[in-house]
Amino acid sequence: MPDFMKRRRLARMIDATTKQIADVEMPEKGWIASVRYALGMSAEQVAKRRGVSRNAVYQAERSELDGGVSIKQMQSLAAAMGGRFVYAIVPDARIEDMLYRQAIKKSKHLLLEEPDSRSWSSDDRQDWIEDKAAELLHDFPTDFWEDP
């Protein structure tokens, strides 16, 4: 399967997942403490299931709020509470939209290098930009994300 088809399939999967989780926010006290509290589990009970000290659980809860907890710790604590840890990067827009914007940006820059393009009509320049963007999206050159 060509790379552009693999990228498109992955983009659709990411966009669908993003729709499901885009509005999810971390609870005020963090996921570890909130899930533990909702389950009615003490830090000592979670610690025992995880094979660590109660203070290690409290430290992980504080580290989560500071952004210093590791993925491995989150996975371990989630398992100790009967769950699993899920993480994601949530794009600010649909992947296809982000790619298209970059292709247009790059095409506009490439137009400046095109001989005689200044003498073209605005419609001809717009057509060239859109055609070049489609080409870039299909061929996906290695410098696609490099700023001009």
Protein backbone atom coordinates (compact mmCIF):
# COMPACT_ATOMS: atom_id res chain seq x y z
CA MET A 1 0.00 0.00 0.00
CA PRO A 2 1.45 3.42 -0.95
CA ASP A 3 2.57 5.73 1.85
CA PHE A 4 -0.07 8.37 1.10
CA MET A 5 -2.80 5.75 1.58
CA LYS A 6 -1.28 4.65 4.89
CA ARG A 7 -1.07 8.28 6.03
CA ARG A 8 -4.68 8.92 4.99
CA ARG A 9 -5.92 5.83 6.86
CA LEU A 10 -3.96 6.83 9.97
CA ALA A 11 -5.24 10.42 9.70
CA ARG A 12 -8.85 9.17 9.64
CA MET A 13 -8.22 7.02 12.72
CA ILE A 14 -6.60 9.93 14.59
CA ASP A 15 -9.40 12.32 13.61
CA ALA A 16 -12.08 9.86 14.76
CA THR A 17 -10.31 9.33 18.09
CA THR A 18 -9.81 13.07 18.53
CA LYS A 19 -13.55 13.64 18.17
CA GLN A 20 -14.16 11.20 21.02
CA ILE A 21 -11.63 12.65 23.45
CA ALA A 22 -11.21 16.30 22.43
CA ASP A 23 -13.26 17.62 25.37
CA VAL A 24 -11.72 15.38 28.05
CA GLU A 25 -9.97 17.37 30.73
CA MET A 26 -7.91 16.17 33.65
CA PRO A 27 -9.85 16.27 36.93
CA GLU A 28 -8.74 19.00 39.34
CA LYS A 29 -6.95 16.50 41.62
CA GLY A 30 -5.57 14.45 38.71
CA TRP A 31 -6.56 11.08 37.32
CA ILE A 32 -4.80 8.92 39.91
CA ALA A 33 -6.36 10.57 42.96
CA SER A 34 -9.77 11.00 41.30
CA VAL A 35 -10.10 7.38 40.15
CA ARG A 36 -8.76 6.14 43.48
CA TYR A 37 -11.32 8.28 45.33
CA ALA A 38 -14.18 7.26 43.00
CA LEU A 39 -13.32 3.60 43.63
CA GLY A 40 -13.12 4.18 47.37
CA MET A 41 -9.55 2.86 47.46
CA SER A 42 -7.03 4.16 49.93
CA ALA A 43 -3.50 5.01 48.85
CA GLU A 44 -2.37 2.09 50.97
CA GLN A 45 -4.63 -0.33 49.08
CA VAL A 46 -3.36 0.91 45.71
CA ALA A 47 0.22 0.73 47.00
CA LYS A 48 -0.25 -2.86 48.15
CA ARG A 49 -1.62 -3.89 44.76
CA ARG A 50 1.28 -2.14 43.06
CA GLY A 51 3.95 -3.39 45.44
CA VAL A 52 5.11 0.05 46.57
CA SER A 53 4.71 2.26 49.63
CA ARG A 54 1.70 4.46 50.30
CA ASN A 55 4.02 7.47 50.01
CA ALA A 56 4.93 6.36 46.48
CA VAL A 57 1.25 6.58 45.52
CA TYR A 58 0.94 10.04 47.06
CA GLN A 59 4.15 11.12 45.31
CA ALA A 60 2.77 9.87 41.97
CA GLU A 61 -0.42 11.87 42.56
CA ARG A 62 1.61 15.03 43.19
CA SER A 63 3.88 14.32 40.23
CA GLU A 64 0.88 13.91 37.96
CA LEU A 65 -0.33 17.41 38.85
CA ASP A 66 3.16 18.80 38.17
CA GLY A 67 3.42 16.91 34.85
CA GLY A 68 6.28 14.77 36.13
CA VAL A 69 4.64 11.36 36.39
CA SER A 70 5.92 8.81 33.88
CA ILE A 71 3.78 6.87 31.45
CA LYS A 72 5.06 3.69 33.08
CA GLN A 73 3.88 4.90 36.51
CA MET A 74 0.47 5.82 35.13
CA GLN A 75 0.13 2.40 33.49
CA SER A 76 1.13 0.66 36.70
CA LEU A 77 -1.24 2.68 38.89
CA ALA A 78 -4.11 2.29 36.43
CA ALA A 79 -3.61 -1.49 36.47
CA ALA A 80 -3.48 -1.48 40.28
CA MET A 81 -6.89 0.23 40.27
CA GLY A 82 -8.33 -2.21 37.74
CA GLY A 83 -7.99 -0.04 34.66
CA ARG A 84 -5.60 0.94 31.94
CA PHE A 85 -3.85 4.19 31.13
CA VAL A 86 -4.51 5.78 27.75
CA TYR A 87 -2.62 8.76 26.36
CA ALA A 88 -2.90 10.67 23.13
CA ILE A 89 -1.78 13.69 21.20
CA VAL A 90 -4.91 15.61 20.24
CA PRO A 91 -4.33 17.72 17.12
CA ASP A 92 -5.81 21.23 17.06
CA ALA A 93 -7.53 20.47 13.72
CA ARG A 94 -8.31 17.54 11.45
CA ILE A 95 -5.10 15.98 10.11
CA GLU A 96 -6.21 16.51 6.50
CA ASP A 97 -6.85 20.20 7.21
CA MET A 98 -3.41 20.60 8.77
CA LEU A 99 -1.79 18.89 5.79
CA TYR A 100 -3.76 20.98 3.31
CA ARG A 101 -2.83 24.26 5.03
CA GLN A 102 0.85 23.31 4.94
CA ALA A 103 0.62 22.26 1.28
CA ILE A 104 -0.99 25.60 0.37
CA LYS A 105 1.62 27.51 2.37
CA LYS A 106 4.44 25.63 0.65
CA SER A 107 2.81 26.03 -2.77
CA LYS A 108 2.50 29.79 -2.32
CA HIS A 109 6.20 29.95 -1.56
CA LEU A 110 7.05 27.76 -4.57
CA LEU A 111 4.96 30.02 -6.78
CA LEU A 112 7.38 32.85 -6.03
CA GLU A 113 10.15 30.76 -7.59
CA GLU A 114 8.09 30.03 -10.71
CA PRO A 115 9.33 32.06 -13.72
CA ASP A 116 6.84 34.61 -15.04
CA SER A 117 4.25 33.79 -12.38
CA ARG A 118 3.80 37.49 -11.65
CA SER A 119 2.42 37.96 -15.15
CA TRP A 120 -0.24 35.28 -14.65
CA SER A 121 -3.80 36.18 -13.79
CA SER A 122 -4.88 35.74 -10.18
CA ASP A 123 -7.04 32.76 -11.26
CA ASP A 124 -4.05 31.13 -12.97
CA ARG A 125 -1.91 31.67 -9.88
CA GLN A 126 -4.65 30.21 -7.65
CA ASP A 127 -5.03 27.19 -9.96
CA TRP A 128 -1.27 26.65 -9.91
CA ILE A 129 -1.19 26.84 -6.10
CA GLU A 130 -4.04 24.33 -5.75
CA ASP A 131 -2.51 21.94 -8.31
CA LYS A 132 0.90 22.17 -6.62
CA ALA A 133 -0.71 21.57 -3.20
CA ALA A 134 -2.41 18.41 -4.54
CA GLU A 135 0.93 17.25 -5.94
CA LEU A 136 2.69 17.90 -2.64
CA LEU A 137 0.01 16.03 -0.71
CA HIS A 138 0.34 13.05 -3.04
CA ASP A 139 4.14 12.96 -3.33
CA PHE A 140 4.81 14.19 0.21
CA PRO A 141 8.39 15.41 -0.28
CA THR A 142 10.80 15.06 2.61
CA ASP A 143 10.90 18.84 3.08
CA PHE A 144 7.09 19.13 3.29
CA TRP A 145 7.10 20.49 6.86
CA GLU A 146 10.17 22.71 6.46
CA ASP A 147 9.34 26.39 6.54
CA PRO A 148 10.33 28.25 3.41
